[in-house]
Protein backbone atom coordinates (compact mmCIF):
# COMPACT_ATOMS: atom_id res chain seq x y z
CA MET A 1 -33.10 15.67 -72.16
CA ASP A 2 -34.65 17.29 -69.85
CA GLU A 3 -33.08 18.66 -66.79
CA PRO A 4 -34.73 17.04 -64.15
CA SER A 5 -34.27 13.48 -65.53
CA HIS A 6 -30.87 14.40 -66.36
CA ARG A 7 -30.01 15.25 -62.71
CA GLN A 8 -31.81 12.37 -61.71
CA GLU A 9 -29.55 10.13 -63.43
CA GLU A 10 -26.78 11.96 -61.97
CA LEU A 11 -27.76 11.81 -58.98
CA GLY A 12 -28.35 8.08 -59.17
CA ARG A 13 -25.03 7.71 -60.08
CA VAL A 14 -23.65 9.76 -56.97
CA ARG A 15 -25.69 7.66 -55.04
CA SER A 16 -24.52 4.31 -56.49
CA LEU A 17 -20.69 5.65 -56.22
CA ARG A 18 -21.40 6.82 -52.78
CA ARG A 19 -22.82 3.62 -52.01
CA ARG A 20 -19.58 1.67 -53.91
CA GLU A 21 -17.01 4.14 -51.99
CA LEU A 22 -18.72 3.52 -48.94
CA SER A 23 -18.67 -0.56 -48.93
CA ALA A 24 -14.95 -0.10 -49.89
CA VAL A 25 -14.81 2.33 -46.73
CA GLN A 26 -16.00 -0.68 -44.85
CA ASN A 27 -14.61 -3.98 -46.40
CA ALA A 28 -11.05 -1.95 -45.54
CA SER A 29 -11.93 -0.97 -42.47
CA GLU A 30 -12.74 -4.56 -41.62
CA GLU A 31 -9.41 -5.70 -43.24
CA GLU A 32 -7.71 -3.64 -40.75
CA ALA A 33 -9.71 -4.56 -38.16
CA TRP A 34 -9.23 -8.28 -38.88
CA GLN A 35 -5.16 -7.48 -39.58
CA GLU A 36 -5.19 -5.74 -36.02
CA LEU A 37 -7.00 -8.78 -34.47
CA ALA A 38 -4.54 -11.00 -36.10
CA ARG A 39 -1.86 -9.16 -34.84
CA ARG A 40 -2.87 -9.20 -31.19
CA GLN A 41 -3.52 -12.95 -31.55
CA ALA A 42 -0.56 -13.93 -32.53
CA GLU A 43 1.13 -11.67 -30.17
CA MET A 44 -1.01 -13.36 -27.72
CA LEU A 45 -0.02 -16.52 -28.60
CA SER A 46 3.98 -15.88 -28.22
CA ARG A 47 3.01 -14.09 -24.71
CA LEU A 48 1.11 -16.98 -23.50
CA ASP A 49 3.66 -19.60 -24.61
CA GLU A 50 6.38 -17.55 -23.33
CA ALA A 51 4.33 -17.26 -19.68
CA ILE A 52 4.06 -21.15 -20.10
CA GLY A 53 7.97 -21.51 -20.53
CA VAL A 54 8.24 -19.02 -17.27
CA ILE A 55 6.12 -21.22 -15.36
CA ALA A 56 7.45 -24.46 -16.36
CA ALA A 57 11.12 -23.14 -15.15
CA ARG A 58 10.13 -21.44 -12.33
CA ARG A 59 7.92 -24.90 -11.34
CA THR A 60 11.70 -26.66 -12.05
CA GLU A 61 13.55 -24.54 -10.07
CA LEU A 62 11.15 -24.73 -6.98
CA GLY A 63 10.99 -28.64 -7.25
CA GLU A 64 14.88 -28.31 -7.04
CA ARG A 65 15.00 -25.78 -3.97
CA GLU A 66 12.46 -28.39 -2.30
CA GLN A 67 14.85 -31.28 -2.53
CA GLN A 68 17.51 -28.98 -1.39
CA PHE A 69 15.66 -27.68 1.35
CA SER A 70 14.40 -31.45 2.12
CA THR A 71 18.19 -32.69 1.95
CA ARG A 72 19.44 -29.55 4.35
CA LEU A 73 15.88 -30.38 6.47
CA GLN A 74 17.37 -34.09 6.80
CA THR A 75 21.27 -33.24 7.30
CA ILE A 76 20.52 -30.63 10.14
CA GLN A 77 18.12 -32.95 11.79
CA LYS A 78 20.76 -36.04 11.56
CA LEU A 79 23.18 -33.62 13.58
CA ALA A 80 20.86 -32.27 16.07
CA VAL A 81 21.78 -32.70 19.58
CA ASP A 82 20.27 -32.86 22.80
CA ALA A 83 20.54 -30.28 25.34
CA GLU A 84 22.30 -32.23 27.68
CA GLU A 85 24.81 -33.53 25.21
CA LEU A 86 27.77 -31.53 24.20
CA PRO A 87 29.06 -32.47 20.65
CA ASP A 88 32.57 -32.75 19.91
CA SER A 89 34.15 -30.32 17.67
CA PRO A 90 34.05 -31.58 13.92
CA ARG A 91 30.56 -32.22 14.64
CA MET A 92 29.61 -28.49 16.01
CA ARG A 93 31.49 -27.02 13.36
CA GLU A 94 29.66 -29.29 10.64
CA LEU A 95 26.44 -28.39 12.63
CA GLY A 96 27.08 -24.79 12.90
CA ARG A 97 28.02 -24.75 8.87
CA GLU A 98 25.01 -26.54 7.87
CA VAL A 99 22.99 -24.15 10.07
CA HIS A 100 24.45 -21.21 8.22
CA ASP A 101 24.10 -22.65 4.69
CA ALA A 102 20.39 -23.48 5.08
CA HIS A 103 20.13 -19.64 6.50
CA ILE A 104 21.50 -18.34 3.43
CA GLU A 105 19.51 -20.59 1.41
CA LEU A 106 16.46 -19.24 2.96
CA VAL A 107 17.69 -15.73 2.54
CA ILE A 108 18.21 -15.69 -1.63
CA HIS A 109 14.41 -17.78 -1.65
CA GLY A 110 13.14 -15.05 0.10
CA ARG A 111 14.39 -12.52 -2.15
CA ASP A 112 13.71 -14.53 -5.45
CA GLY A 113 10.25 -14.26 -4.20
CA GLY A 114 9.46 -17.50 -2.66
CA GLY A 115 8.32 -15.94 0.20
CA GLY A 116 10.11 -15.24 2.83
CA ASP A 117 9.97 -14.45 6.56
CA GLY A 118 8.26 -11.10 5.82
CA GLY A 119 11.16 -8.99 4.34
CA GLN A 120 10.38 -6.23 1.99
CA GLU A 121 10.21 -7.32 -1.83
CA LEU A 122 13.21 -5.82 -4.03
CA LEU A 123 11.53 -4.70 -7.38
CA PRO A 124 13.48 -4.05 -10.43
CA LEU A 125 14.05 -0.58 -11.58
CA HIS A 126 11.72 -1.28 -14.63
CA SER A 127 8.65 -1.97 -12.60
CA LEU A 128 8.82 0.97 -10.49
CA ASP A 129 6.63 4.46 -11.52
CA PHE A 130 7.70 7.68 -12.92
CA GLY A 131 7.16 9.30 -8.80
CA GLU A 132 8.79 6.22 -7.22
CA LEU A 133 11.54 6.29 -9.71
CA VAL A 134 11.93 10.17 -8.42
CA ARG A 135 12.34 9.33 -4.45
CA VAL A 136 14.77 6.66 -5.58
CA GLY A 137 16.80 9.22 -7.43
CA ALA A 138 16.42 11.54 -4.56
CA ALA A 139 17.37 9.52 -1.61
CA LEU A 140 20.66 8.54 -3.55
CA GLY A 141 21.54 11.92 -5.52
CA LEU A 142 20.91 14.05 -2.38
CA PRO A 143 23.17 12.74 0.07
CA LEU A 144 26.02 13.08 -2.96
CA ALA A 145 24.79 16.21 -3.41
CA VAL A 146 24.85 17.70 -0.18
CA ALA A 147 28.18 15.38 0.50
CA MET A 148 29.72 17.61 -2.54
CA LEU A 149 28.60 20.89 -1.25
CA LEU A 150 30.34 20.01 1.94
CA SER A 151 33.37 19.37 0.33
CA ALA A 152 33.52 22.37 -1.63
CA LEU A 153 33.00 24.36 2.01
CA ILE A 154 35.70 22.45 3.43
CA ILE A 155 38.17 23.59 0.38
CA ALA A 156 36.69 27.10 0.18
CA ILE A 157 37.60 27.37 3.53
CA SER A 158 40.80 25.75 3.74
CA VAL A 159 41.59 28.03 0.56
CA ALA A 160 40.59 31.09 2.36
CA ILE A 161 43.12 30.13 5.70
CA VAL A 162 45.68 29.37 3.69
CA PHE A 163 45.75 32.11 1.12
CA GLY A 164 43.93 34.52 3.02
CA GLY A 165 46.01 34.76 6.53
């Protein structure tokens, strides 16, 4: 066999091997991409199902709150008095209790994210970013550190007075 034809055969085999390897790599890459897509699909299905459950629970809770507020409104309207009329003591106590309970329910409703009268929204700590967590930590820790330093200073002065003369 002459050298150029042998070389051509080797080159042909190398090209064939390279095409098969490239095809195998592409197939493996497509398989990995498909597996990742299937995993993400399953995750999204799970998360969407969970979100639907949360929304359904929230809808039920809001329906219950609407019923509570309607009942409270009707009760307060029944107990309402005219400006000229002076209610008796038990009726006045009952109206005061109902108004107070209604206020508490509205405050709780506002804190739960159901709206409210413009109060600040309370965020759980896990929803804060690092900078906000540092500010919260400093706001809570700095007064404590100052109080500890002030206490240490008072103790040091007391010890100096007692033992130092």
